[in-house]
Amino acid sequence: MPSDNIPPPRRLPLQRGSLIETFRRAIEQAEQEGIKREAMTLRLTLRDTTLIRRDATIPVQDISFADGEMSVLKVKVISGGISESVLDLGGSSPVA
């Protein structure tokens, strides 16, 4: 029997868009170091891929689905098979 004295569950607000902004900064930093976007790959966890696909705050020009491939910020995306999303710089160490 429900009680009126039980407080509602606590929910913390999510920071919408923060994931895409993290990658935007990493991509821009890599470009400043001379790495072209064509050489980069975003290796995303399945969860992060889903969050990006569902994030209505991401501008349409920042995400695309063409020829069976997903791109974010004009960088190719590979989903799954990792425990933490990273930006692969094409032969050098991945950065978050």
PDB file of N, CA and C in Angstrom:
ATOM      1  N   MET A   1       0.844  -1.174   0.000  1.00  0.00           N
ATOM      2  CA  MET A   1       0.000   0.000   0.000  1.00  0.00           C
ATOM      3  C   MET A   1       0.892   1.242   0.000  1.00  0.00           C
ATOM      4  N   PRO A   2       0.742   2.154  -0.985  1.00  0.00           N
ATOM      5  CA  PRO A   2       1.608   3.316  -1.070  1.00  0.00           C
ATOM      6  C   PRO A   2       1.401   4.270   0.093  1.00  0.00           C
ATOM      7  N   SER A   3       2.479   4.911   0.488  1.00  0.00           N
ATOM      8  CA  SER A   3       2.419   5.874   1.578  1.00  0.00           C
ATOM      9  C   SER A   3       2.652   7.266   1.021  1.00  0.00           C
ATOM     10  N   ASP A   4       1.935   8.232   1.549  1.00  0.00           N
ATOM     11  CA  ASP A   4       2.088   9.618   1.113  1.00  0.00           C
ATOM     12  C   ASP A   4       3.363  10.248   1.663  1.00  0.00           C
ATOM     13  N   ASN A   5       4.020   9.585   2.603  1.00  0.00           N
ATOM     14  CA  ASN A   5       5.219  10.136   3.231  1.00  0.00           C
ATOM     15  C   ASN A   5       6.510   9.737   2.521  1.00  0.00           C
ATOM     16  N   ILE A   6       6.436   8.930   1.466  1.00  0.00           N
ATOM     17  CA  ILE A   6       7.627   8.488   0.745  1.00  0.00           C
ATOM     18  C   ILE A   6       8.006   9.551  -0.283  1.00  0.00           C
ATOM     19  N   PRO A   7       9.249  10.074  -0.198  1.00  0.00           N
ATOM     20  CA  PRO A   7       9.648  11.102  -1.171  1.00  0.00           C
ATOM     21  C   PRO A   7       9.823  10.486  -2.559  1.00  0.00           C
ATOM     22  N   PRO A   8       9.623  11.278  -3.603  1.00  0.00           N
ATOM     23  CA  PRO A   8       9.816  10.760  -4.968  1.00  0.00           C
ATOM     24  C   PRO A   8      11.294  10.447  -5.205  1.00  0.00           C
ATOM     25  N   PRO A   9      11.589   9.556  -6.141  1.00  0.00           N
ATOM     26  CA  PRO A   9      12.997   9.244  -6.420  1.00  0.00           C
ATOM     27  C   PRO A   9      13.743  10.480  -6.901  1.00  0.00           C
ATOM     28  N   ARG A  10      14.994  10.576  -6.503  1.00  0.00           N
ATOM     29  CA  ARG A  10      15.818  11.713  -6.897  1.00  0.00           C
ATOM     30  C   ARG A  10      16.386  11.473  -8.289  1.00  0.00           C
ATOM     31  N   ARG A  11      16.294  12.459  -9.143  1.00  0.00           N
ATOM     32  CA  ARG A  11      16.832  12.373 -10.501  1.00  0.00           C
ATOM     33  C   ARG A  11      17.789  13.531 -10.719  1.00  0.00           C
ATOM     34  N   LEU A  12      18.937  13.205 -11.243  1.00  0.00           N
ATOM     35  CA  LEU A  12      19.924  14.242 -11.535  1.00  0.00           C
ATOM     36  C   LEU A  12      19.795  14.680 -12.986  1.00  0.00           C
ATOM     37  N   PRO A  13      19.876  15.963 -13.269  1.00  0.00           N
ATOM     38  CA  PRO A  13      19.775  16.425 -14.666  1.00  0.00           C
ATOM     39  C   PRO A  13      20.997  15.983 -15.471  1.00  0.00           C
ATOM     40  N   LEU A  14      20.772  15.621 -16.716  1.00  0.00           N
ATOM     41  CA  LEU A  14      21.853  15.247 -17.618  1.00  0.00           C
ATOM     42  C   LEU A  14      22.355  16.495 -18.316  1.00  0.00           C
ATOM     43  N   GLN A  15      23.642  16.548 -18.591  1.00  0.00           N
ATOM     44  CA  GLN A  15      24.209  17.661 -19.340  1.00  0.00           C
ATOM     45  C   GLN A  15      24.089  17.340 -20.821  1.00  0.00           C
ATOM     46  N   ARG A  16      23.060  17.814 -21.453  1.00  0.00           N
ATOM     47  CA  ARG A  16      22.822  17.526 -22.855  1.00  0.00           C
ATOM     48  C   ARG A  16      23.862  18.212 -23.711  1.00  0.00           C
ATOM     49  N   GLY A  17      24.349  17.476 -24.695  1.00  0.00           N
ATOM     50  CA  GLY A  17      25.289  18.048 -25.628  1.00  0.00           C
ATOM     51  C   GLY A  17      26.739  18.010 -25.183  1.00  0.00           C
ATOM     52  N   SER A  18      26.995  17.629 -23.941  1.00  0.00           N
ATOM     53  CA  SER A  18      28.372  17.669 -23.458  1.00  0.00           C
ATOM     54  C   SER A  18      29.259  16.648 -24.171  1.00  0.00           C
ATOM     55  N   LEU A  19      28.721  15.513 -24.554  1.00  0.00           N
ATOM     56  CA  LEU A  19      29.517  14.498 -25.252  1.00  0.00           C
ATOM     57  C   LEU A  19      30.003  15.033 -26.598  1.00  0.00           C
ATOM     58  N   ILE A  20      29.114  15.636 -27.359  1.00  0.00           N
ATOM     59  CA  ILE A  20      29.489  16.162 -28.669  1.00  0.00           C
ATOM     60  C   ILE A  20      30.493  17.307 -28.514  1.00  0.00           C
ATOM     61  N   GLU A  21      30.348  18.111 -27.479  1.00  0.00           N
ATOM     62  CA  GLU A  21      31.283  19.215 -27.260  1.00  0.00           C
ATOM     63  C   GLU A  21      32.659  18.700 -26.865  1.00  0.00           C
ATOM     64  N   THR A  22      32.723  17.604 -26.129  1.00  0.00           N
ATOM     65  CA  THR A  22      34.002  16.984 -25.787  1.00  0.00           C
ATOM     66  C   THR A  22      34.729  16.571 -27.055  1.00  0.00           C
ATOM     67  N   PHE A  23      34.020  15.917 -27.970  1.00  0.00           N
ATOM     68  CA  PHE A  23      34.642  15.486 -29.216  1.00  0.00           C
ATOM     69  C   PHE A  23      34.954  16.662 -30.125  1.00  0.00           C
ATOM     70  N   ARG A  24      34.121  17.680 -30.122  1.00  0.00           N
ATOM     71  CA  ARG A  24      34.389  18.869 -30.938  1.00  0.00           C
ATOM     72  C   ARG A  24      35.735  19.493 -30.525  1.00  0.00           C
ATOM     73  N   ARG A  25      35.956  19.628 -29.214  1.00  0.00           N
ATOM     74  CA  ARG A  25      37.218  20.200 -28.728  1.00  0.00           C
ATOM     75  C   ARG A  25      38.407  19.323 -29.103  1.00  0.00           C
ATOM     76  N   ALA A  26      38.265  18.006 -28.955  1.00  0.00           N
ATOM     77  CA  ALA A  26      39.360  17.086 -29.281  1.00  0.00           C
ATOM     78  C   ALA A  26      39.689  17.136 -30.773  1.00  0.00           C
ATOM     79  N   ILE A  27      38.663  17.190 -31.616  1.00  0.00           N
ATOM     80  CA  ILE A  27      38.863  17.254 -33.070  1.00  0.00           C
ATOM     81  C   ILE A  27      39.544  18.565 -33.451  1.00  0.00           C
ATOM     82  N   GLU A  28      39.080  19.670 -32.876  1.00  0.00           N
ATOM     83  CA  GLU A  28      39.680  20.967 -33.183  1.00  0.00           C
ATOM     84  C   GLU A  28      41.139  21.023 -32.723  1.00  0.00           C
ATOM     85  N   GLN A  29      41.444  20.425 -31.568  1.00  0.00           N
ATOM     86  CA  GLN A  29      42.819  20.388 -31.078  1.00  0.00           C
ATOM     87  C   GLN A  29      43.695  19.562 -32.019  1.00  0.00           C
ATOM     88  N   ALA A  30      43.179  18.417 -32.467  1.00  0.00           N
ATOM     89  CA  ALA A  30      43.936  17.574 -33.400  1.00  0.00           C
ATOM     90  C   ALA A  30      44.195  18.315 -34.710  1.00  0.00           C
ATOM     91  N   GLU A  31      43.203  19.062 -35.191  1.00  0.00           N
ATOM     92  CA  GLU A  31      43.394  19.841 -36.420  1.00  0.00           C
ATOM     93  C   GLU A  31      44.476  20.902 -36.235  1.00  0.00           C
ATOM     94  N   GLN A  32      44.515  21.529 -35.071  1.00  0.00           N
ATOM     95  CA  GLN A  32      45.551  22.525 -34.797  1.00  0.00           C
ATOM     96  C   GLN A  32      46.938  21.892 -34.806  1.00  0.00           C
ATOM     97  N   GLU A  33      47.002  20.592 -34.515  1.00  0.00           N
ATOM     98  CA  GLU A  33      48.266  19.867 -34.526  1.00  0.00           C
ATOM     99  C   GLU A  33      48.592  19.314 -35.918  1.00  0.00           C
ATOM    100  N   GLY A  34      47.720  19.633 -36.886  1.00  0.00           N
ATOM    101  CA  GLY A  34      47.993  19.257 -38.268  1.00  0.00           C
ATOM    102  C   GLY A  34      47.364  17.949 -38.734  1.00  0.00           C
ATOM    103  N   ILE A  35      46.497  17.354 -37.945  1.00  0.00           N
ATOM    104  CA  ILE A  35      45.855  16.093 -38.327  1.00  0.00           C
ATOM    105  C   ILE A  35      44.545  16.403 -39.047  1.00  0.00           C
ATOM    106  N   LYS A  36      44.365  15.815 -40.202  1.00  0.00           N
ATOM    107  CA  LYS A  36      43.149  16.043 -40.993  1.00  0.00           C
ATOM    108  C   LYS A  36      42.010  15.164 -40.487  1.00  0.00           C
ATOM    109  N   ARG A  37      40.773  15.674 -40.611  1.00  0.00           N
ATOM    110  CA  ARG A  37      39.601  14.919 -40.154  1.00  0.00           C
ATOM    111  C   ARG A  37      39.465  13.580 -40.864  1.00  0.00           C
ATOM    112  N   GLU A  38      39.920  13.507 -42.117  1.00  0.00           N
ATOM    113  CA  GLU A  38      39.823  12.257 -42.871  1.00  0.00           C
ATOM    114  C   GLU A  38      40.662  11.148 -42.228  1.00  0.00           C
ATOM    115  N   ALA A  39      41.696  11.524 -41.486  1.00  0.00           N
ATOM    116  CA  ALA A  39      42.565  10.547 -40.822  1.00  0.00           C
ATOM    117  C   ALA A  39      42.022  10.131 -39.456  1.00  0.00           C
ATOM    118  N   MET A  40      41.082  10.899 -38.926  1.00  0.00           N
ATOM    119  CA  MET A  40      40.532  10.637 -37.585  1.00  0.00           C
ATOM    120  C   MET A  40      39.367   9.655 -37.651  1.00  0.00           C
ATOM    121  N   THR A  41      39.173   8.945 -36.540  1.00  0.00           N
ATOM    122  CA  THR A  41      38.011   8.073 -36.378  1.00  0.00           C
ATOM    123  C   THR A  41      37.501   8.215 -34.953  1.00  0.00           C
ATOM    124  N   LEU A  42      36.202   8.445 -34.822  1.00  0.00           N
ATOM    125  CA  LEU A  42      35.583   8.429 -33.499  1.00  0.00           C
ATOM    126  C   LEU A  42      35.189   6.990 -33.202  1.00  0.00           C
ATOM    127  N   ARG A  43      35.811   6.402 -32.208  1.00  0.00           N
ATOM    128  CA  ARG A  43      35.477   5.045 -31.783  1.00  0.00           C
ATOM    129  C   ARG A  43      34.598   5.188 -30.549  1.00  0.00           C
ATOM    130  N   LEU A  44      33.293   4.942 -30.754  1.00  0.00           N
ATOM    131  CA  LEU A  44      32.304   5.186 -29.705  1.00  0.00           C
ATOM    132  C   LEU A  44      31.783   3.892 -29.101  1.00  0.00           C
ATOM    133  N   THR A  45      31.491   3.955 -27.809  1.00  0.00           N
ATOM    134  CA  THR A  45      30.782   2.847 -27.182  1.00  0.00           C
ATOM    135  C   THR A  45      29.379   2.809 -27.787  1.00  0.00           C
ATOM    136  N   LEU A  46      28.724   1.683 -27.677  1.00  0.00           N
ATOM    137  CA  LEU A  46      27.354   1.596 -28.197  1.00  0.00           C
ATOM    138  C   LEU A  46      26.444   2.599 -27.487  1.00  0.00           C
ATOM    139  N   ARG A  47      26.673   2.789 -26.210  1.00  0.00           N
ATOM    140  CA  ARG A  47      25.857   3.742 -25.441  1.00  0.00           C
ATOM    141  C   ARG A  47      26.044   5.165 -25.969  1.00  0.00           C
ATOM    142  N   ASP A  48      27.306   5.570 -26.169  1.00  0.00           N
ATOM    143  CA  ASP A  48      27.557   6.922 -26.675  1.00  0.00           C
ATOM    144  C   ASP A  48      27.006   7.113 -28.082  1.00  0.00           C
ATOM    145  N   THR A  49      27.088   6.074 -28.907  1.00  0.00           N
ATOM    146  CA  THR A  49      26.515   6.150 -30.257  1.00  0.00           C
ATOM    147  C   THR A  49      25.020   6.405 -30.173  1.00  0.00           C
ATOM    148  N   THR A  50      24.344   5.677 -29.300  1.00  0.00           N
ATOM    149  CA  THR A  50      22.897   5.851 -29.122  1.00  0.00           C
ATOM    150  C   THR A  50      22.578   7.245 -28.600  1.00  0.00           C
ATOM    151  N   LEU A  51      23.351   7.718 -27.628  1.00  0.00           N
ATOM    152  CA  LEU A  51      23.108   9.056 -27.080  1.00  0.00           C
ATOM    153  C   LEU A  51      23.264  10.131 -28.145  1.00  0.00           C
ATOM    154  N   ILE A  52      24.285   9.998 -28.976  1.00  0.00           N
ATOM    155  CA  ILE A  52      24.495  10.990 -30.042  1.00  0.00           C
ATOM    156  C   ILE A  52      23.358  10.932 -31.062  1.00  0.00           C
ATOM    157  N   ARG A  53      22.949   9.735 -31.437  1.00  0.00           N
ATOM    158  CA  ARG A  53      21.861   9.603 -32.419  1.00  0.00           C
ATOM    159  C   ARG A  53      20.563  10.221 -31.917  1.00  0.00           C
ATOM    160  N   ARG A  54      20.343  10.159 -30.627  1.00  0.00           N
ATOM    161  CA  ARG A  54      19.083  10.649 -30.052  1.00  0.00           C
ATOM    162  C   ARG A  54      19.135  12.093 -29.573  1.00  0.00           C
ATOM    163  N   ASP A  55      20.302  12.693 -29.594  1.00  0.00           N
ATOM    164  CA  ASP A  55      20.465  14.045 -29.055  1.00  0.00           C
ATOM    165  C   ASP A  55      19.933  15.076 -30.043  1.00  0.00           C
ATOM    166  N   ALA A  56      18.786  15.639 -29.716  1.00  0.00           N
ATOM    167  CA  ALA A  56      18.136  16.621 -30.600  1.00  0.00           C
ATOM    168  C   ALA A  56      18.845  17.968 -30.591  1.00  0.00           C
ATOM    169  N   THR A  57      19.812  18.155 -29.687  1.00  0.00           N
ATOM    170  CA  THR A  57      20.529  19.437 -29.636  1.00  0.00           C
ATOM    171  C   THR A  57      21.687  19.493 -30.628  1.00  0.00           C
ATOM    172  N   ILE A  58      22.036  18.354 -31.230  1.00  0.00           N
ATOM    173  CA  ILE A  58      23.135  18.336 -32.200  1.00  0.00           C
ATOM    174  C   ILE A  58      22.621  18.878 -33.526  1.00  0.00           C
ATOM    175  N   PRO A  59      23.268  19.921 -34.066  1.00  0.00           N
ATOM    176  CA  PRO A  59      22.817  20.465 -35.351  1.00  0.00           C
ATOM    177  C   PRO A  59      22.899  19.416 -36.465  1.00  0.00           C
ATOM    178  N   VAL A  60      21.965  19.484 -37.387  1.00  0.00           N
ATOM    179  CA  VAL A  60      21.875  18.529 -38.491  1.00  0.00           C
ATOM    180  C   VAL A  60      23.188  18.454 -39.279  1.00  0.00           C
ATOM    181  N   GLN A  61      23.858  19.562 -39.457  1.00  0.00           N
ATOM    182  CA  GLN A  61      25.099  19.562 -40.234  1.00  0.00           C
ATOM    183  C   GLN A  61      26.251  18.871 -39.506  1.00  0.00           C
ATOM    184  N   ASP A  62      26.109  18.583 -38.206  1.00  0.00           N
ATOM    185  CA  ASP A  62      27.182  17.944 -37.443  1.00  0.00           C
ATOM    186  C   ASP A  62      27.111  16.422 -37.418  1.00  0.00           C
ATOM    187  N   ILE A  63      26.035  15.841 -37.924  1.00  0.00           N
ATOM    188  CA  ILE A  63      25.883  14.389 -37.912  1.00  0.00           C
ATOM    189  C   ILE A  63      25.313  13.943 -39.255  1.00  0.00           C
ATOM    190  N   SER A  64      25.860  12.851 -39.793  1.00  0.00           N
ATOM    191  CA  SER A  64      25.336  12.374 -41.071  1.00  0.00           C
ATOM    192  C   SER A  64      25.364  10.850 -41.121  1.00  0.00           C
ATOM    193  N   PHE A  65      24.477  10.321 -41.926  1.00  0.00           N
ATOM    194  CA  PHE A  65      24.379   8.887 -42.183  1.00  0.00           C
ATOM    195  C   PHE A  65      24.343   8.729 -43.698  1.00  0.00           C
ATOM    196  N   ALA A  66      25.448   8.274 -44.267  1.00  0.00           N
ATOM    197  CA  ALA A  66      25.521   8.117 -45.718  1.00  0.00           C
ATOM    198  C   ALA A  66      26.290   6.853 -46.053  1.00  0.00           C
ATOM    199  N   ASP A  67      25.808   6.136 -47.054  1.00  0.00           N
ATOM    200  CA  ASP A  67      26.471   4.915 -47.520  1.00  0.00           C
ATOM    201  C   ASP A  67      26.720   3.921 -46.387  1.00  0.00           C
ATOM    202  N   GLY A  68      25.770   3.831 -45.459  1.00  0.00           N
ATOM    203  CA  GLY A  68      25.879   2.888 -44.354  1.00  0.00           C
ATOM    204  C   GLY A  68      26.882   3.285 -43.285  1.00  0.00           C
ATOM    205  N   GLU A  69      27.340   4.522 -43.314  1.00  0.00           N
ATOM    206  CA  GLU A  69      28.345   5.005 -42.378  1.00  0.00           C
ATOM    207  C   GLU A  69      27.833   6.222 -41.621  1.00  0.00           C
ATOM    208  N   MET A  70      28.156   6.278 -40.343  1.00  0.00           N
ATOM    209  CA  MET A  70      27.811   7.437 -39.523  1.00  0.00           C
ATOM    210  C   MET A  70      29.041   8.329 -39.411  1.00  0.00           C
ATOM    211  N   SER A  71      28.822   9.645 -39.512  1.00  0.00           N
ATOM    212  CA  SER A  71      29.882  10.621 -39.301  1.00  0.00           C
ATOM    213  C   SER A  71      29.391  11.667 -38.320  1.00  0.00           C
ATOM    214  N   VAL A  72      30.286  12.091 -37.450  1.00  0.00           N
ATOM    215  CA  VAL A  72      29.990  13.159 -36.508  1.00  0.00           C
ATOM    216  C   VAL A  72      31.079  14.207 -36.671  1.00  0.00           C
ATOM    217  N   LEU A  73      30.666  15.437 -36.908  1.00  0.00           N
ATOM    218  CA  LEU A  73      31.606  16.538 -37.116  1.00  0.00           C
ATOM    219  C   LEU A  73      32.574  16.221 -38.255  1.00  0.00           C
ATOM    220  N   LYS A  74      32.061  15.527 -39.271  1.00  0.00           N
ATOM    221  CA  LYS A  74      32.805  15.120 -40.474  1.00  0.00           C
ATOM    222  C   LYS A  74      33.941  14.149 -40.165  1.00  0.00           C
ATOM    223  N   VAL A  75      33.781  13.389 -39.075  1.00  0.00           N
ATOM    224  CA  VAL A  75      34.738  12.351 -38.696  1.00  0.00           C
ATOM    225  C   VAL A  75      33.986  11.024 -38.671  1.00  0.00           C
ATOM    226  N   LYS A  76      34.549  10.006 -39.313  1.00  0.00           N
ATOM    227  CA  LYS A  76      33.935   8.680 -39.381  1.00  0.00           C
ATOM    228  C   LYS A  76      33.770   8.105 -37.973  1.00  0.00           C
ATOM    229  N   VAL A  77      32.631   7.409 -37.767  1.00  0.00           N
ATOM    230  CA  VAL A  77      32.328   6.785 -36.475  1.00  0.00           C
ATOM    231  C   VAL A  77      32.356   5.268 -36.617  1.00  0.00           C
ATOM    232  N   ILE A  78      33.004   4.611 -35.655  1.00  0.00           N
ATOM    233  CA  ILE A  78      32.939   3.163 -35.511  1.00  0.00           C
ATOM    234  C   ILE A  78      32.342   2.905 -34.139  1.00  0.00           C
ATOM    235  N   SER A  79      31.270   2.112 -34.099  1.00  0.00           N
ATOM    236  CA  SER A  79      30.542   1.866 -32.855  1.00  0.00           C
ATOM    237  C   SER A  79      30.842   0.498 -32.267  1.00  0.00           C
ATOM    238  N   GLY A  80      30.966   0.474 -30.950  1.00  0.00           N
ATOM    239  CA  GLY A  80      31.071  -0.777 -30.208  1.00  0.00           C
ATOM    240  C   GLY A  80      32.464  -1.352 -30.153  1.00  0.00           C
ATOM    241  N   GLY A  81      32.596  -2.378 -29.297  1.00  0.00           N
ATOM    242  CA  GLY A  81      33.850  -3.095 -29.168  1.00  0.00           C
ATOM    243  C   GLY A  81      34.872  -2.430 -28.261  1.00  0.00           C
ATOM    244  N   ILE A  82      34.481  -1.336 -27.610  1.00  0.00           N
ATOM    245  CA  ILE A  82      35.380  -0.650 -26.683  1.00  0.00           C
ATOM    246  C   ILE A  82      34.617  -0.277 -25.423  1.00  0.00           C
ATOM    247  N   SER A  83      35.362  -0.037 -24.339  1.00  0.00           N
ATOM    248  CA  SER A  83      34.709   0.304 -23.074  1.00  0.00           C
ATOM    249  C   SER A  83      34.628   1.800 -22.830  1.00  0.00           C
ATOM    250  N   GLU A  84      35.413   2.592 -23.591  1.00  0.00           N
ATOM    251  CA  GLU A  84      35.396   4.040 -23.454  1.00  0.00           C
ATOM    252  C   GLU A  84      35.575   4.681 -24.827  1.00  0.00           C
ATOM    253  N   SER A  85      34.747   5.653 -25.138  1.00  0.00           N
ATOM    254  CA  SER A  85      34.829   6.332 -26.430  1.00  0.00           C
ATOM    255  C   SER A  85      36.121   7.134 -26.528  1.00  0.00           C
ATOM    256  N   VAL A  86      36.734   7.087 -27.727  1.00  0.00           N
ATOM    257  CA  VAL A  86      37.985   7.812 -27.963  1.00  0.00           C
ATOM    258  C   VAL A  86      38.001   8.379 -29.382  1.00  0.00           C
ATOM    259  N   LEU A  87      38.851   9.372 -29.570  1.00  0.00           N
ATOM    260  CA  LEU A  87      39.119   9.900 -30.905  1.00  0.00           C
ATOM    261  C   LEU A  87      40.441   9.307 -31.334  1.00  0.00           C
ATOM    262  N   ASP A  88      40.402   8.467 -32.368  1.00  0.00           N
ATOM    263  CA  ASP A  88      41.591   7.833 -32.909  1.00  0.00           C
ATOM    264  C   ASP A  88      42.172   8.776 -33.955  1.00  0.00           C
ATOM    265  N   LEU A  89      43.441   9.107 -33.795  1.00  0.00           N
ATOM    266  CA  LEU A  89      44.068  10.084 -34.672  1.00  0.00           C
ATOM    267  C   LEU A  89      44.794   9.451 -35.846  1.00  0.00           C
ATOM    268  N   GLY A  90      44.526   8.180 -36.119  1.00  0.00           N
ATOM    269  CA  GLY A  90      45.102   7.538 -37.276  1.00  0.00           C
ATOM    270  C   GLY A  90      46.567   7.209 -37.123  1.00  0.00           C
ATOM    271  N   GLY A  91      46.879   6.334 -36.202  1.00  0.00           N
ATOM    272  CA  GLY A  91      48.249   5.885 -36.035  1.00  0.00           C
ATOM    273  C   GLY A  91      48.908   6.407 -34.778  1.00  0.00           C
ATOM    274  N   SER A  92      48.356   7.449 -34.199  1.00  0.00           N
ATOM    275  CA  SER A  92      48.919   7.937 -32.945  1.00  0.00           C
ATOM    276  C   SER A  92      48.004   7.530 -31.796  1.00  0.00           C
ATOM    277  N   SER A  93      48.356   7.929 -30.627  1.00  0.00           N
ATOM    278  CA  SER A  93      47.564   7.558 -29.453  1.00  0.00           C
ATOM    279  C   SER A  93      46.174   8.178 -29.512  1.00  0.00           C
ATOM    280  N   PRO A  94      45.138   7.379 -29.162  1.00  0.00           N
ATOM    281  CA  PRO A  94      43.791   7.933 -29.110  1.00  0.00           C
ATOM    282  C   PRO A  94      43.679   8.966 -27.998  1.00  0.00           C
ATOM    283  N   VAL A  95      42.822   9.943 -28.198  1.00  0.00           N
ATOM    284  CA  VAL A  95      42.560  10.946 -27.161  1.00  0.00           C
ATOM    285  C   VAL A  95      41.070  10.957 -26.862  1.00  0.00           C
ATOM    286  N   ALA A  96      40.734  11.356 -25.667  1.00  0.00           N
ATOM    287  CA  ALA A  96      39.322  11.415 -25.287  1.00  0.00           C
ATOM    288  C   ALA A  96      38.796  12.732 -25.739  1.00  0.00           C
TER     289      ALA A  96
END
